[in-house]
Amino acid sequence: MAEPPKGQAILDQLKQAGIEFVVSLPDKMTAGLVDLIVRDPSFRFVPVCKEDEGVSICSALSFGDKRAVLVTQHTGVLDSVNSLRTVAAEFKHPLVMIVGLLTKEPGVKPTESKRVGIRIIEPLLDLLDISHVIVEKEGDEAQIGNLIEEAYSTPKPVAILIGRAVV
């Protein structure tokens, strides 16, 4: 099996894309990535209590020409559907999400997962017209920068799905 994605490679992509703020909830799948972010002075870390708060904060920062990313677990995306639908999708605000797919089986496509929550994430994002990529192995991180640019140039929400814990 290929090596897992590298946290530092993800951070490098975020920096190159001009991300300044990282909004997050505690999350098992992305904990290693968040630890790196918190220690990196290039980012301002904003902890939140609910995912929909994070959607609104990231959207509001874009009004001030600030770039932000929301780091959450797939269950947080499911919990925030109404906020994603209104603030991000219907109002066409840029929103970048890093979504940890906790309990995803390695090497299995999310849509083929035995876990319902994982299996419905990509179809849900498609319905909301949210572009997405999966980052599951080393080298996949290179997709992140272009997706962030899409979010801010279009503008629209995008999602970076993390299929394995980063190292």
Protein backbone atom coordinates (compact mmCIF):
# COMPACT_ATOMS: atom_id res chain seq x y z
CA MET A 1 0.00 0.00 0.00
CA ALA A 2 1.21 3.51 -0.84
CA GLU A 3 2.50 5.87 1.83
CA PRO A 4 -0.12 8.06 3.57
CA PRO A 5 -0.37 11.76 2.72
CA LYS A 6 2.21 14.05 4.29
CA GLY A 7 1.00 16.77 6.63
CA GLN A 8 3.82 19.11 5.68
CA ALA A 9 2.99 18.72 1.97
CA ILE A 10 -0.60 19.73 2.75
CA LEU A 11 0.60 22.76 4.74
CA ASP A 12 2.87 23.76 1.87
CA GLN A 13 -0.11 23.67 -0.52
CA LEU A 14 -2.19 25.79 1.89
CA LYS A 15 0.60 28.36 2.18
CA GLN A 16 1.15 28.54 -1.58
CA ALA A 17 -2.59 29.15 -2.03
CA GLY A 18 -2.51 32.05 0.44
CA ILE A 19 -4.49 30.43 3.26
CA GLU A 20 -4.09 32.54 6.42
CA PHE A 21 -6.81 31.20 8.73
CA VAL A 22 -7.57 27.64 9.75
CA VAL A 23 -10.93 27.09 11.43
CA SER A 24 -11.39 23.71 13.07
CA LEU A 25 -13.08 21.42 15.53
CA PRO A 26 -11.28 18.61 17.28
CA ASP A 27 -11.13 15.66 14.88
CA LYS A 28 -9.37 12.32 15.18
CA MET A 29 -8.66 11.91 11.47
CA THR A 30 -7.02 15.31 10.96
CA ALA A 31 -5.53 15.74 14.46
CA GLY A 32 -1.94 15.37 13.18
CA LEU A 33 -2.54 17.99 10.50
CA VAL A 34 -4.14 20.40 12.98
CA ASP A 35 -1.18 19.93 15.35
CA LEU A 36 1.17 21.01 12.55
CA ILE A 37 -1.05 24.00 11.73
CA VAL A 38 -1.24 25.19 15.33
CA ARG A 39 2.57 25.18 15.57
CA ASP A 40 3.07 27.00 12.26
CA PRO A 41 3.17 30.81 12.66
CA SER A 42 2.01 31.22 9.04
CA PHE A 43 -1.54 30.36 10.11
CA ARG A 44 -4.04 31.86 12.54
CA PHE A 45 -5.92 29.03 14.20
CA VAL A 46 -9.59 29.57 15.06
CA PRO A 47 -11.20 26.80 17.12
CA VAL A 48 -15.00 26.52 16.88
CA CYS A 49 -17.70 24.52 18.65
CA LYS A 50 -19.88 23.64 15.64
CA GLU A 51 -19.12 23.06 12.00
CA ASP A 52 -21.74 25.49 10.71
CA GLU A 53 -20.00 28.25 12.70
CA GLY A 54 -16.86 27.38 10.76
CA VAL A 55 -18.68 27.65 7.44
CA SER A 56 -19.89 31.15 8.35
CA ILE A 57 -16.51 32.30 9.69
CA CYS A 58 -14.64 31.13 6.60
CA SER A 59 -17.24 32.77 4.36
CA ALA A 60 -17.08 36.05 6.30
CA LEU A 61 -13.28 36.15 6.09
CA SER A 62 -13.54 36.04 2.30
CA PHE A 63 -15.34 39.41 2.37
CA GLY A 64 -12.13 40.89 3.76
CA ASP A 65 -10.02 39.19 1.08
CA LYS A 66 -8.73 36.69 3.62
CA ARG A 67 -8.38 33.04 2.74
CA ALA A 68 -9.43 30.40 5.22
CA VAL A 69 -9.90 26.65 5.41
CA LEU A 70 -12.37 24.71 7.54
CA VAL A 71 -10.96 21.45 8.90
CA THR A 72 -13.70 19.03 9.91
CA GLN A 73 -14.73 15.41 9.94
CA HIS A 74 -17.21 14.01 7.41
CA THR A 75 -19.86 13.92 10.13
CA GLY A 76 -19.40 17.69 10.46
CA VAL A 77 -20.18 18.12 6.78
CA LEU A 78 -23.35 16.09 7.26
CA ASP A 79 -24.23 18.22 10.29
CA SER A 80 -23.68 21.44 8.29
CA VAL A 81 -25.65 20.71 5.14
CA ASN A 82 -28.04 23.65 5.54
CA SER A 83 -25.20 26.08 6.16
CA LEU A 84 -23.26 24.70 3.20
CA ARG A 85 -26.33 24.92 1.00
CA THR A 86 -27.10 28.55 1.83
CA VAL A 87 -23.87 30.33 2.66
CA ALA A 88 -21.54 28.48 0.36
CA ALA A 89 -23.49 26.91 -2.51
CA GLU A 90 -26.46 29.25 -3.10
CA PHE A 91 -24.68 32.49 -2.19
CA LYS A 92 -21.56 31.37 -4.12
CA HIS A 93 -19.05 32.16 -1.38
CA PRO A 94 -15.60 30.63 -1.50
CA LEU A 95 -15.19 27.94 1.11
CA VAL A 96 -12.34 25.47 1.39
CA MET A 97 -12.94 22.41 3.55
CA ILE A 98 -10.50 19.72 4.59
CA VAL A 99 -12.73 16.79 5.48
CA GLY A 100 -11.41 13.81 7.42
CA LEU A 101 -13.11 10.57 6.39
CA LEU A 102 -12.90 8.86 9.77
CA THR A 103 -13.33 5.07 9.55
CA LYS A 104 -12.87 4.99 5.76
CA GLU A 105 -11.42 1.69 4.65
CA PRO A 106 -7.92 2.16 3.11
CA GLY A 107 -7.86 1.72 -0.64
CA VAL A 108 -11.66 1.66 -0.95
CA LYS A 109 -13.37 4.46 -2.86
CA PRO A 110 -15.58 6.51 -0.53
CA THR A 111 -18.67 5.68 -2.63
CA GLU A 112 -17.91 1.95 -2.14
CA SER A 113 -17.44 2.15 1.63
CA LYS A 114 -19.46 -0.12 3.91
CA ARG A 115 -20.01 2.90 6.15
CA VAL A 116 -23.05 4.94 5.12
CA GLY A 117 -21.63 8.28 6.31
CA ILE A 118 -18.54 7.82 4.15
CA ARG A 119 -20.48 6.43 1.19
CA ILE A 120 -22.79 9.46 0.89
CA ILE A 121 -20.20 12.26 1.20
CA GLU A 122 -19.19 12.47 -2.47
CA PRO A 123 -22.77 12.25 -3.82
CA LEU A 124 -23.81 14.93 -1.31
CA LEU A 125 -20.95 17.21 -2.39
CA ASP A 126 -21.91 16.59 -6.03
CA LEU A 127 -25.53 17.57 -5.33
CA LEU A 128 -24.33 20.81 -3.71
CA ASP A 129 -21.96 21.46 -6.67
CA ILE A 130 -18.94 21.30 -4.35
CA SER A 131 -15.81 20.23 -6.24
CA HIS A 132 -13.72 17.72 -4.33
CA VAL A 133 -10.58 15.63 -4.46
CA ILE A 134 -9.47 12.71 -2.33
CA VAL A 135 -6.09 12.81 -0.60
CA GLU A 136 -5.28 9.29 0.51
CA LYS A 137 -1.68 8.67 -0.43
CA GLU A 138 1.57 10.54 -0.74
CA GLY A 139 1.51 12.69 -3.88
CA ASP A 140 -2.24 13.36 -3.76
CA GLU A 141 -1.46 16.56 -1.84
CA ALA A 142 -0.45 18.22 -5.13
CA GLN A 143 -4.16 18.55 -6.08
CA ILE A 144 -4.91 20.91 -3.20
CA GLY A 145 -3.56 24.20 -4.56
CA ASN A 146 -5.59 24.11 -7.77
CA LEU A 147 -8.76 23.25 -5.89
CA ILE A 148 -8.25 26.20 -3.52
CA GLU A 149 -7.76 28.51 -6.51
CA GLU A 150 -11.02 27.18 -7.97
CA ALA A 151 -12.82 28.08 -4.74
CA TYR A 152 -11.67 31.69 -4.82
CA SER A 153 -11.74 32.32 -8.58
CA THR A 154 -15.20 30.84 -9.23
CA PRO A 155 -16.22 31.52 -6.26
CA LYS A 156 -17.65 28.33 -4.80
CA PRO A 157 -17.11 25.79 -2.04
CA VAL A 158 -14.61 22.95 -2.46
CA ALA A 159 -13.64 19.95 -0.34
CA ILE A 160 -10.38 18.11 0.18
CA LEU A 161 -11.30 14.65 1.43
CA ILE A 162 -8.63 13.08 3.64
CA GLY A 163 -8.93 9.29 3.28
CA ARG A 164 -6.10 8.32 5.64
CA ALA A 165 -4.54 9.97 8.64
CA VAL A 166 -1.66 12.20 7.56
CA VAL A 167 1.89 11.70 8.78
